[in-house]
């Protein structure tokens, strides 16, 4: 599983918190970009290879019940901001 273009909002010694925009489905022919919510996910993550707060990443991992087990990440240098 991959969470694309999420912002690293916080980290502790045991967790990393990421945030991303979630768009409500829109009927064909309508513009619904204004109906978005900011979703937050905090995952258990220890070790030295954790992302930097304030950076945007693609987060890879295995989904679990209401969370994700991180396997790695890559920094995203460009984000498609069509609906920003």
PDB file of N, CA and C in Angstrom:
ATOM      1  N   UNK A   1       0.844  -1.161   0.000  1.00  0.00           N
ATOM      2  CA  UNK A   1       0.000   0.000   0.000  1.00  0.00           C
ATOM      3  C   UNK A   1       0.893   1.230   0.000  1.00  0.00           C
ATOM      4  N   UNK A   2       0.409   2.287  -0.631  1.00  0.00           N
ATOM      5  CA  UNK A   2       1.157   3.552  -0.620  1.00  0.00           C
ATOM      6  C   UNK A   2       0.198   4.695  -0.315  1.00  0.00           C
ATOM      7  N   UNK A   3       0.620   5.565   0.575  1.00  0.00           N
ATOM      8  CA  UNK A   3      -0.084   6.822   0.820  1.00  0.00           C
ATOM      9  C   UNK A   3       0.733   7.891   0.114  1.00  0.00           C
ATOM     10  N   UNK A   4       0.172   8.426  -0.951  1.00  0.00           N
ATOM     11  CA  UNK A   4       0.920   9.358  -1.794  1.00  0.00           C
ATOM     12  C   UNK A   4       0.806  10.793  -1.307  1.00  0.00           C
ATOM     13  N   UNK A   5       1.925  11.484  -1.359  1.00  0.00           N
ATOM     14  CA  UNK A   5       2.008  12.918  -1.077  1.00  0.00           C
ATOM     15  C   UNK A   5       1.365  13.304   0.248  1.00  0.00           C
ATOM     16  N   UNK A   6       1.786  12.635   1.316  1.00  0.00           N
ATOM     17  CA  UNK A   6       1.312  12.993   2.651  1.00  0.00           C
ATOM     18  C   UNK A   6       2.381  13.836   3.346  1.00  0.00           C
ATOM     19  N   UNK A   7       1.932  14.740   4.181  1.00  0.00           N
ATOM     20  CA  UNK A   7       2.845  15.623   4.907  1.00  0.00           C
ATOM     21  C   UNK A   7       3.203  14.991   6.243  1.00  0.00           C
ATOM     22  N   UNK A   8       4.485  15.037   6.586  1.00  0.00           N
ATOM     23  CA  UNK A   8       4.927  14.546   7.889  1.00  0.00           C
ATOM     24  C   UNK A   8       4.648  15.673   8.890  1.00  0.00           C
ATOM     25  N   UNK A   9       3.663  15.445   9.759  1.00  0.00           N
ATOM     26  CA  UNK A   9       3.205  16.492  10.673  1.00  0.00           C
ATOM     27  C   UNK A   9       3.927  16.467  12.013  1.00  0.00           C
ATOM     28  N   UNK A  10       4.306  15.266  12.476  1.00  0.00           N
ATOM     29  CA  UNK A  10       4.951  15.155  13.789  1.00  0.00           C
ATOM     30  C   UNK A  10       5.635  13.807  13.897  1.00  0.00           C
ATOM     31  N   UNK A  11       6.565  13.715  14.850  1.00  0.00           N
ATOM     32  CA  UNK A  11       7.138  12.415  15.176  1.00  0.00           C
ATOM     33  C   UNK A  11       7.623  12.420  16.617  1.00  0.00           C
ATOM     34  N   UNK A  12       7.547  11.241  17.219  1.00  0.00           N
ATOM     35  CA  UNK A  12       8.069  11.022  18.554  1.00  0.00           C
ATOM     36  C   UNK A  12       9.101   9.908  18.430  1.00  0.00           C
ATOM     37  N   UNK A  13       9.591   9.399  19.542  1.00  0.00           N
ATOM     38  CA  UNK A  13      10.556   8.302  19.468  1.00  0.00           C
ATOM     39  C   UNK A  13       9.915   7.017  18.969  1.00  0.00           C
ATOM     40  N   UNK A  14       8.579   6.907  19.059  1.00  0.00           N
ATOM     41  CA  UNK A  14       7.894   5.666  18.676  1.00  0.00           C
ATOM     42  C   UNK A  14       6.896   5.810  17.539  1.00  0.00           C
ATOM     43  N   UNK A  15       6.590   7.039  17.116  1.00  0.00           N
ATOM     44  CA  UNK A  15       5.538   7.225  16.110  1.00  0.00           C
ATOM     45  C   UNK A  15       5.914   8.288  15.086  1.00  0.00           C
ATOM     46  N   UNK A  16       5.208   8.238  13.961  1.00  0.00           N
ATOM     47  CA  UNK A  16       5.246   9.294  12.952  1.00  0.00           C
ATOM     48  C   UNK A  16       3.793   9.599  12.583  1.00  0.00           C
ATOM     49  N   UNK A  17       3.458  10.885  12.517  1.00  0.00           N
ATOM     50  CA  UNK A  17       2.110  11.303  12.141  1.00  0.00           C
ATOM     51  C   UNK A  17       2.168  11.963  10.773  1.00  0.00           C
ATOM     52  N   UNK A  18       1.303  11.494   9.871  1.00  0.00           N
ATOM     53  CA  UNK A  18       1.215  12.061   8.525  1.00  0.00           C
ATOM     54  C   UNK A  18      -0.187  12.600   8.307  1.00  0.00           C
ATOM     55  N   UNK A  19      -0.296  13.567   7.391  1.00  0.00           N
ATOM     56  CA  UNK A  19      -1.580  14.161   7.051  1.00  0.00           C
ATOM     57  C   UNK A  19      -1.715  14.250   5.540  1.00  0.00           C
ATOM     58  N   UNK A  20      -2.952  14.087   5.081  1.00  0.00           N
ATOM     59  CA  UNK A  20      -3.220  14.203   3.656  1.00  0.00           C
ATOM     60  C   UNK A  20      -4.659  14.622   3.417  1.00  0.00           C
ATOM     61  N   UNK A  21      -4.895  15.212   2.264  1.00  0.00           N
ATOM     62  CA  UNK A  21      -6.244  15.663   1.913  1.00  0.00           C
ATOM     63  C   UNK A  21      -7.061  14.508   1.389  1.00  0.00           C
ATOM     64  N   UNK A  22      -8.294  14.425   1.844  1.00  0.00           N
ATOM     65  CA  UNK A  22      -9.240  13.405   1.398  1.00  0.00           C
ATOM     66  C   UNK A  22     -10.391  14.117   0.700  1.00  0.00           C
ATOM     67  N   UNK A  23     -10.668  13.708  -0.538  1.00  0.00           N
ATOM     68  CA  UNK A  23     -11.710  14.356  -1.321  1.00  0.00           C
ATOM     69  C   UNK A  23     -12.982  13.535  -1.289  1.00  0.00           C
ATOM     70  N   UNK A  24     -14.108  14.224  -1.113  1.00  0.00           N
ATOM     71  CA  UNK A  24     -15.418  13.581  -1.149  1.00  0.00           C
ATOM     72  C   UNK A  24     -15.751  13.290  -2.604  1.00  0.00           C
ATOM     73  N   UNK A  25     -16.288  12.096  -2.904  1.00  0.00           N
ATOM     74  CA  UNK A  25     -16.658  11.790  -4.291  1.00  0.00           C
ATOM     75  C   UNK A  25     -17.613  12.851  -4.855  1.00  0.00           C
ATOM     76  N   UNK A  26     -17.420  13.169  -6.109  1.00  0.00           N
ATOM     77  CA  UNK A  26     -18.187  14.232  -6.755  1.00  0.00           C
ATOM     78  C   UNK A  26     -18.938  13.673  -7.958  1.00  0.00           C
ATOM     79  N   UNK A  27     -20.224  14.050  -8.119  1.00  0.00           N
ATOM     80  CA  UNK A  27     -20.965  13.589  -9.296  1.00  0.00           C
ATOM     81  C   UNK A  27     -20.332  14.116 -10.584  1.00  0.00           C
ATOM     82  N   UNK A  28     -20.433  13.374 -11.681  1.00  0.00           N
ATOM     83  CA  UNK A  28     -19.879  13.833 -12.958  1.00  0.00           C
ATOM     84  C   UNK A  28     -20.435  15.207 -13.340  1.00  0.00           C
ATOM     85  N   UNK A  29     -19.571  16.066 -13.835  1.00  0.00           N
ATOM     86  CA  UNK A  29     -19.990  17.384 -14.286  1.00  0.00           C
ATOM     87  C   UNK A  29     -19.969  18.457 -13.213  1.00  0.00           C
ATOM     88  N   UNK A  30     -19.609  18.110 -11.986  1.00  0.00           N
ATOM     89  CA  UNK A  30     -19.562  19.076 -10.891  1.00  0.00           C
ATOM     90  C   UNK A  30     -18.128  19.246 -10.392  1.00  0.00           C
ATOM     91  N   UNK A  31     -17.847  20.431  -9.881  1.00  0.00           N
ATOM     92  CA  UNK A  31     -16.549  20.673  -9.259  1.00  0.00           C
ATOM     93  C   UNK A  31     -16.733  20.622  -7.754  1.00  0.00           C
ATOM     94  N   UNK A  32     -16.073  19.686  -7.107  1.00  0.00           N
ATOM     95  CA  UNK A  32     -16.262  19.492  -5.670  1.00  0.00           C
ATOM     96  C   UNK A  32     -14.963  19.647  -4.901  1.00  0.00           C
ATOM     97  N   UNK A  33     -14.023  20.366  -5.430  1.00  0.00           N
ATOM     98  CA  UNK A  33     -12.729  20.530  -4.776  1.00  0.00           C
ATOM     99  C   UNK A  33     -12.804  21.217  -3.426  1.00  0.00           C
ATOM    100  N   UNK A  34     -13.881  21.968  -3.206  1.00  0.00           N
ATOM    101  CA  UNK A  34     -14.014  22.665  -1.930  1.00  0.00           C
ATOM    102  C   UNK A  34     -14.417  21.721  -0.801  1.00  0.00           C
ATOM    103  N   UNK A  35     -14.897  20.541  -1.128  1.00  0.00           N
ATOM    104  CA  UNK A  35     -15.353  19.596  -0.100  1.00  0.00           C
ATOM    105  C   UNK A  35     -14.261  18.566   0.174  1.00  0.00           C
ATOM    106  N   UNK A  36     -13.251  18.998   0.899  1.00  0.00           N
ATOM    107  CA  UNK A  36     -12.148  18.115   1.252  1.00  0.00           C
ATOM    108  C   UNK A  36     -11.895  18.205   2.752  1.00  0.00           C
ATOM    109  N   UNK A  37     -11.386  17.123   3.305  1.00  0.00           N
ATOM    110  CA  UNK A  37     -11.058  17.106   4.728  1.00  0.00           C
ATOM    111  C   UNK A  37      -9.612  16.668   4.893  1.00  0.00           C
ATOM    112  N   UNK A  38      -8.997  17.136   5.959  1.00  0.00           N
ATOM    113  CA  UNK A  38      -7.628  16.757   6.261  1.00  0.00           C
ATOM    114  C   UNK A  38      -7.647  15.522   7.149  1.00  0.00           C
ATOM    115  N   UNK A  39      -7.098  14.429   6.654  1.00  0.00           N
ATOM    116  CA  UNK A  39      -7.049  13.181   7.413  1.00  0.00           C
ATOM    117  C   UNK A  39      -5.665  13.023   8.037  1.00  0.00           C
ATOM    118  N   UNK A  40      -5.642  12.513   9.254  1.00  0.00           N
ATOM    119  CA  UNK A  40      -4.399  12.329  10.002  1.00  0.00           C
ATOM    120  C   UNK A  40      -4.250  10.871  10.395  1.00  0.00           C
ATOM    121  N   UNK A  41      -3.038  10.350  10.272  1.00  0.00           N
ATOM    122  CA  UNK A  41      -2.746   8.968  10.651  1.00  0.00           C
ATOM    123  C   UNK A  41      -1.432   8.950  11.432  1.00  0.00           C
ATOM    124  N   UNK A  42      -1.456   8.356  12.611  1.00  0.00           N
ATOM    125  CA  UNK A  42      -0.245   8.175  13.412  1.00  0.00           C
ATOM    126  C   UNK A  42       0.095   6.695  13.414  1.00  0.00           C
ATOM    127  N   UNK A  43       1.324   6.363  13.002  1.00  0.00           N
ATOM    128  CA  UNK A  43       1.753   4.965  12.927  1.00  0.00           C
ATOM    129  C   UNK A  43       2.952   4.741  13.853  1.00  0.00           C
ATOM    130  N   UNK A  44       3.050   3.535  14.392  1.00  0.00           N
ATOM    131  CA  UNK A  44       4.217   3.169  15.190  1.00  0.00           C
ATOM    132  C   UNK A  44       5.403   3.044  14.255  1.00  0.00           C
ATOM    133  N   UNK A  45       6.502   3.728  14.598  1.00  0.00           N
ATOM    134  CA  UNK A  45       7.672   3.728  13.723  1.00  0.00           C
ATOM    135  C   UNK A  45       8.887   4.068  14.566  1.00  0.00           C
ATOM    136  N   UNK A  46       9.798   3.144  14.680  1.00  0.00           N
ATOM    137  CA  UNK A  46      11.014   3.381  15.445  1.00  0.00           C
ATOM    138  C   UNK A  46      12.220   3.241  14.528  1.00  0.00           C
ATOM    139  N   UNK A  47      13.371   3.601  15.027  1.00  0.00           N
ATOM    140  CA  UNK A  47      14.595   3.500  14.237  1.00  0.00           C
ATOM    141  C   UNK A  47      15.055   4.852  13.751  1.00  0.00           C
ATOM    142  N   UNK A  48      16.205   4.857  13.119  1.00  0.00           N
ATOM    143  CA  UNK A  48      16.810   6.103  12.658  1.00  0.00           C
ATOM    144  C   UNK A  48      16.289   6.564  11.308  1.00  0.00           C
ATOM    145  N   UNK A  49      15.820   5.660  10.469  1.00  0.00           N
ATOM    146  CA  UNK A  49      15.411   6.021   9.108  1.00  0.00           C
ATOM    147  C   UNK A  49      13.936   6.413   9.070  1.00  0.00           C
ATOM    148  N   UNK A  50      13.641   7.564   9.662  1.00  0.00           N
ATOM    149  CA  UNK A  50      12.283   8.087   9.665  1.00  0.00           C
ATOM    150  C   UNK A  50      12.282   9.437   8.968  1.00  0.00           C
ATOM    151  N   UNK A  51      11.165   9.802   8.352  1.00  0.00           N
ATOM    152  CA  UNK A  51      11.130  11.054   7.599  1.00  0.00           C
ATOM    153  C   UNK A  51      11.185  12.292   8.493  1.00  0.00           C
ATOM    154  N   UNK A  52      11.530  13.400   7.879  1.00  0.00           N
ATOM    155  CA  UNK A  52      11.662  14.683   8.560  1.00  0.00           C
ATOM    156  C   UNK A  52      10.317  15.393   8.633  1.00  0.00           C
ATOM    157  N   UNK A  53      10.012  15.953   9.795  1.00  0.00           N
ATOM    158  CA  UNK A  53       8.783  16.732   9.969  1.00  0.00           C
ATOM    159  C   UNK A  53       8.800  17.922   9.008  1.00  0.00           C
ATOM    160  N   UNK A  54       7.667  18.173   8.373  1.00  0.00           N
ATOM    161  CA  UNK A  54       7.554  19.278   7.424  1.00  0.00           C
ATOM    162  C   UNK A  54       7.777  18.884   5.980  1.00  0.00           C
ATOM    163  N   UNK A  55       8.240  17.673   5.744  1.00  0.00           N
ATOM    164  CA  UNK A  55       8.483  17.195   4.379  1.00  0.00           C
ATOM    165  C   UNK A  55       7.262  16.433   3.865  1.00  0.00           C
ATOM    166  N   UNK A  56       7.161  16.324   2.543  1.00  0.00           N
ATOM    167  CA  UNK A  56       6.103  15.550   1.891  1.00  0.00           C
ATOM    168  C   UNK A  56       6.709  14.242   1.402  1.00  0.00           C
ATOM    169  N   UNK A  57       6.001  13.133   1.667  1.00  0.00           N
ATOM    170  CA  UNK A  57       6.515  11.809   1.328  1.00  0.00           C
ATOM    171  C   UNK A  57       5.445  10.949   0.673  1.00  0.00           C
ATOM    172  N   UNK A  58       5.889   9.923  -0.029  1.00  0.00           N
ATOM    173  CA  UNK A  58       5.055   8.775  -0.381  1.00  0.00           C
ATOM    174  C   UNK A  58       5.420   7.714   0.643  1.00  0.00           C
ATOM    175  N   UNK A  59       4.439   7.282   1.438  1.00  0.00           N
ATOM    176  CA  UNK A  59       4.677   6.336   2.521  1.00  0.00           C
ATOM    177  C   UNK A  59       4.230   4.939   2.090  1.00  0.00           C
ATOM    178  N   UNK A  60       5.150   3.983   2.129  1.00  0.00           N
ATOM    179  CA  UNK A  60       4.871   2.604   1.733  1.00  0.00           C
ATOM    180  C   UNK A  60       4.740   1.730   2.969  1.00  0.00           C
ATOM    181  N   UNK A  61       3.831   0.756   2.913  1.00  0.00           N
ATOM    182  CA  UNK A  61       3.682  -0.142   4.050  1.00  0.00           C
ATOM    183  C   UNK A  61       2.586  -1.159   3.841  1.00  0.00           C
ATOM    184  N   UNK A  62       2.304  -1.884   4.901  1.00  0.00           N
ATOM    185  CA  UNK A  62       1.264  -2.904   4.898  1.00  0.00           C
ATOM    186  C   UNK A  62       0.115  -2.403   5.752  1.00  0.00           C
ATOM    187  N   UNK A  63      -1.095  -2.460   5.208  1.00  0.00           N
ATOM    188  CA  UNK A  63      -2.237  -1.970   5.971  1.00  0.00           C
ATOM    189  C   UNK A  63      -2.595  -2.949   7.083  1.00  0.00           C
ATOM    190  N   UNK A  64      -3.006  -2.386   8.203  1.00  0.00           N
ATOM    191  CA  UNK A  64      -3.478  -3.146   9.353  1.00  0.00           C
ATOM    192  C   UNK A  64      -4.815  -2.534   9.761  1.00  0.00           C
ATOM    193  N   UNK A  65      -5.427  -3.048  10.792  1.00  0.00           N
ATOM    194  CA  UNK A  65      -6.693  -2.497  11.246  1.00  0.00           C
ATOM    195  C   UNK A  65      -6.500  -1.054  11.700  1.00  0.00           C
ATOM    196  N   UNK A  66      -7.078  -0.121  10.965  1.00  0.00           N
ATOM    197  CA  UNK A  66      -7.056   1.313  11.269  1.00  0.00           C
ATOM    198  C   UNK A  66      -5.656   1.917  11.318  1.00  0.00           C
ATOM    199  N   UNK A  67      -4.680   1.290  10.668  1.00  0.00           N
ATOM    200  CA  UNK A  67      -3.330   1.848  10.670  1.00  0.00           C
ATOM    201  C   UNK A  67      -2.527   1.282   9.512  1.00  0.00           C
ATOM    202  N   UNK A  68      -1.210   1.398   9.620  1.00  0.00           N
ATOM    203  CA  UNK A  68      -0.284   0.955   8.582  1.00  0.00           C
ATOM    204  C   UNK A  68       1.031   0.601   9.254  1.00  0.00           C
ATOM    205  N   UNK A  69       1.660  -0.478   8.797  1.00  0.00           N
ATOM    206  CA  UNK A  69       2.995  -0.828   9.258  1.00  0.00           C
ATOM    207  C   UNK A  69       3.973  -0.320   8.202  1.00  0.00           C
ATOM    208  N   UNK A  70       4.761   0.713   8.511  1.00  0.00           N
ATOM    209  CA  UNK A  70       5.620   1.314   7.503  1.00  0.00           C
ATOM    210  C   UNK A  70       6.736   0.382   7.032  1.00  0.00           C
ATOM    211  N   UNK A  71       6.977   0.424   5.723  1.00  0.00           N
ATOM    212  CA  UNK A  71       8.066  -0.351   5.126  1.00  0.00           C
ATOM    213  C   UNK A  71       9.134   0.577   4.557  1.00  0.00           C
ATOM    214  N   UNK A  72       8.771   1.830   4.309  1.00  0.00           N
ATOM    215  CA  UNK A  72       9.710   2.794   3.768  1.00  0.00           C
ATOM    216  C   UNK A  72       8.999   4.014   3.229  1.00  0.00           C
ATOM    217  N   UNK A  73       9.783   4.945   2.718  1.00  0.00           N
ATOM    218  CA  UNK A  73       9.216   6.174   2.168  1.00  0.00           C
ATOM    219  C   UNK A  73      10.191   6.770   1.173  1.00  0.00           C
ATOM    220  N   UNK A  74       9.684   7.662   0.351  1.00  0.00           N
ATOM    221  CA  UNK A  74      10.511   8.489  -0.519  1.00  0.00           C
ATOM    222  C   UNK A  74      10.022   9.922  -0.386  1.00  0.00           C
ATOM    223  N   UNK A  75      10.959  10.853  -0.412  1.00  0.00           N
ATOM    224  CA  UNK A  75      10.570  12.258  -0.377  1.00  0.00           C
ATOM    225  C   UNK A  75       9.979  12.638  -1.722  1.00  0.00           C
ATOM    226  N   UNK A  76       8.933  13.461  -1.692  1.00  0.00           N
ATOM    227  CA  UNK A  76       8.274  13.935  -2.901  1.00  0.00           C
ATOM    228  C   UNK A  76       8.713  15.378  -3.113  1.00  0.00           C
ATOM    229  N   UNK A  77       9.290  15.651  -4.262  1.00  0.00           N
ATOM    230  CA  UNK A  77       9.786  17.006  -4.523  1.00  0.00           C
ATOM    231  C   UNK A  77       8.772  17.849  -5.273  1.00  0.00           C
ATOM    232  N   UNK A  78       7.776  17.213  -5.867  1.00  0.00           N
ATOM    233  CA  UNK A  78       6.767  17.930  -6.628  1.00  0.00           C
ATOM    234  C   UNK A  78       5.421  17.281  -6.361  1.00  0.00           C
ATOM    235  N   UNK A  79       4.428  18.091  -6.062  1.00  0.00           N
ATOM    236  CA  UNK A  79       3.086  17.591  -5.772  1.00  0.00           C
ATOM    237  C   UNK A  79       2.131  18.214  -6.774  1.00  0.00           C
ATOM    238  N   UNK A  80       1.275  17.391  -7.396  1.00  0.00           N
ATOM    239  CA  UNK A  80       0.249  17.893  -8.297  1.00  0.00           C
ATOM    240  C   UNK A  80      -0.773  18.644  -7.464  1.00  0.00           C
ATOM    241  N   UNK A  81      -0.844  19.939  -7.659  1.00  0.00           N
ATOM    242  CA  UNK A  81      -1.711  20.766  -6.824  1.00  0.00           C
ATOM    243  C   UNK A  81      -2.955  21.202  -7.600  1.00  0.00           C
ATOM    244  N   UNK A  82      -3.499  20.321  -8.411  1.00  0.00           N
ATOM    245  CA  UNK A  82      -4.673  20.634  -9.193  1.00  0.00           C
ATOM    246  C   UNK A  82      -5.832  21.099  -8.320  1.00  0.00           C
ATOM    247  N   UNK A  83      -5.990  20.473  -7.161  1.00  0.00           N
ATOM    248  CA  UNK A  83      -7.126  20.798  -6.284  1.00  0.00           C
ATOM    249  C   UNK A  83      -6.700  21.521  -5.011  1.00  0.00           C
ATOM    250  N   UNK A  84      -5.487  22.074  -4.968  1.00  0.00           N
ATOM    251  CA  UNK A  84      -5.042  22.787  -3.767  1.00  0.00           C
ATOM    252  C   UNK A  84      -5.724  24.124  -3.639  1.00  0.00           C
TER     253      UNK A  84
END
